[in-house]
Amino acid sequence: MKELMAQSLTVGAAGVDGLVSTGEQILSMAQTMGLICAAIALCVGGYYLILGGDRGRTKSVGWFIGAAAGLVIVMGAYGLAQAIDSNISF
């Protein structure tokens, strides 16, 4: 009976480790996509700022703020996940 419980705990721990690893990989891919999207948003904002005419500056501010906020959220998510992973044990 003890062997069965020890084996089930070992299998459960391996499953949690796999889940954590998968979550970190998803966050890593999200960071890559976030950087690409932020670069595109900055380019669009720059386009509106330079060639947007009378309303170009007001249009570009939204793109710049959106790119900065998106980067903060995406980059902070990975740091938060690592902090949680190091503080919680299953």
Protein backbone atom coordinates (compact mmCIF):
# COMPACT_ATOMS: atom_id res chain seq x y z
CA MET A 1 0.00 0.00 0.00
CA LYS A 2 2.84 2.39 0.88
CA GLU A 3 4.55 1.63 -2.43
CA LEU A 4 1.38 2.46 -4.36
CA MET A 5 1.00 5.80 -2.58
CA ALA A 6 4.66 6.68 -3.12
CA GLN A 7 4.36 5.79 -6.79
CA SER A 8 1.21 7.90 -7.21
CA LEU A 9 2.92 10.88 -5.54
CA THR A 10 5.90 10.51 -7.87
CA VAL A 11 3.64 10.38 -10.92
CA GLY A 12 1.68 13.39 -9.63
CA ALA A 13 4.86 15.41 -9.11
CA ALA A 14 6.01 14.60 -12.64
CA GLY A 15 2.66 15.78 -13.97
CA VAL A 16 2.95 19.08 -12.10
CA ASP A 17 6.50 19.59 -13.34
CA GLY A 18 5.32 18.98 -16.90
CA LEU A 19 2.48 21.45 -16.42
CA VAL A 20 4.84 24.10 -15.07
CA SER A 21 7.23 23.51 -17.96
CA THR A 22 4.40 23.84 -20.49
CA GLY A 23 3.20 27.05 -18.85
CA GLU A 24 6.69 28.55 -19.00
CA GLN A 25 6.99 27.64 -22.68
CA ILE A 26 3.62 29.26 -23.43
CA LEU A 27 4.68 32.41 -21.58
CA SER A 28 7.97 32.45 -23.46
CA MET A 29 6.12 32.27 -26.79
CA ALA A 30 3.73 34.98 -25.59
CA GLN A 31 6.71 37.20 -24.80
CA THR A 32 8.11 36.71 -28.28
CA MET A 33 4.76 37.53 -29.86
CA GLY A 34 4.36 40.50 -27.50
CA LEU A 35 7.70 41.94 -28.59
CA ILE A 36 6.78 41.55 -32.25
CA CYS A 37 3.35 43.13 -31.73
CA ALA A 38 4.85 45.99 -29.73
CA ALA A 39 7.37 46.68 -32.50
CA ILE A 40 4.56 46.76 -35.05
CA ALA A 41 2.49 49.05 -32.81
CA LEU A 42 5.42 51.41 -32.41
CA CYS A 43 5.86 51.49 -36.18
CA VAL A 44 2.18 52.29 -36.71
CA GLY A 45 2.35 54.97 -34.02
CA GLY A 46 5.42 56.46 -35.66
CA TYR A 47 3.65 56.45 -39.02
CA TYR A 48 0.70 58.33 -37.55
CA LEU A 49 3.02 60.75 -35.77
CA ILE A 50 5.04 61.58 -38.87
CA LEU A 51 2.44 61.34 -41.64
CA GLY A 52 -0.85 61.56 -39.75
CA GLY A 53 -1.59 65.17 -40.48
CA ASP A 54 -3.57 67.29 -38.04
CA ARG A 55 -4.86 64.36 -35.97
CA GLY A 56 -1.69 62.28 -36.25
CA ARG A 57 -0.34 63.06 -32.81
CA THR A 58 -3.54 62.09 -31.02
CA LYS A 59 -3.77 58.85 -33.01
CA SER A 60 -0.15 57.94 -32.32
CA VAL A 61 -0.41 58.38 -28.54
CA GLY A 62 -2.85 55.47 -28.29
CA TRP A 63 -0.53 53.20 -30.23
CA PHE A 64 2.46 54.14 -28.09
CA ILE A 65 0.61 53.67 -24.80
CA GLY A 66 -0.85 50.38 -25.99
CA ALA A 67 2.57 49.06 -26.99
CA ALA A 68 4.11 50.06 -23.65
CA ALA A 69 1.24 48.63 -21.59
CA GLY A 70 1.29 45.39 -23.57
CA LEU A 71 5.01 44.95 -23.01
CA VAL A 72 4.65 45.57 -19.28
CA ILE A 73 1.85 42.99 -19.02
CA VAL A 74 3.54 40.30 -21.13
CA MET A 75 6.98 40.70 -19.58
CA GLY A 76 5.57 40.93 -16.07
CA ALA A 77 3.56 37.74 -16.50
CA TYR A 78 6.69 35.60 -16.86
CA GLY A 79 8.33 37.20 -13.83
CA LEU A 80 5.16 36.67 -11.80
CA ALA A 81 4.98 33.03 -12.89
CA GLN A 82 8.57 32.44 -11.82
CA ALA A 83 7.98 34.09 -8.45
CA ILE A 84 4.92 31.93 -7.85
CA ASP A 85 6.76 28.78 -8.96
CA SER A 86 9.65 29.43 -6.58
CA ASN A 87 7.38 30.14 -3.59
CA ILE A 88 4.78 27.38 -3.98
CA SER A 89 5.53 23.67 -3.76
CA PHE A 90 3.11 20.84 -4.46
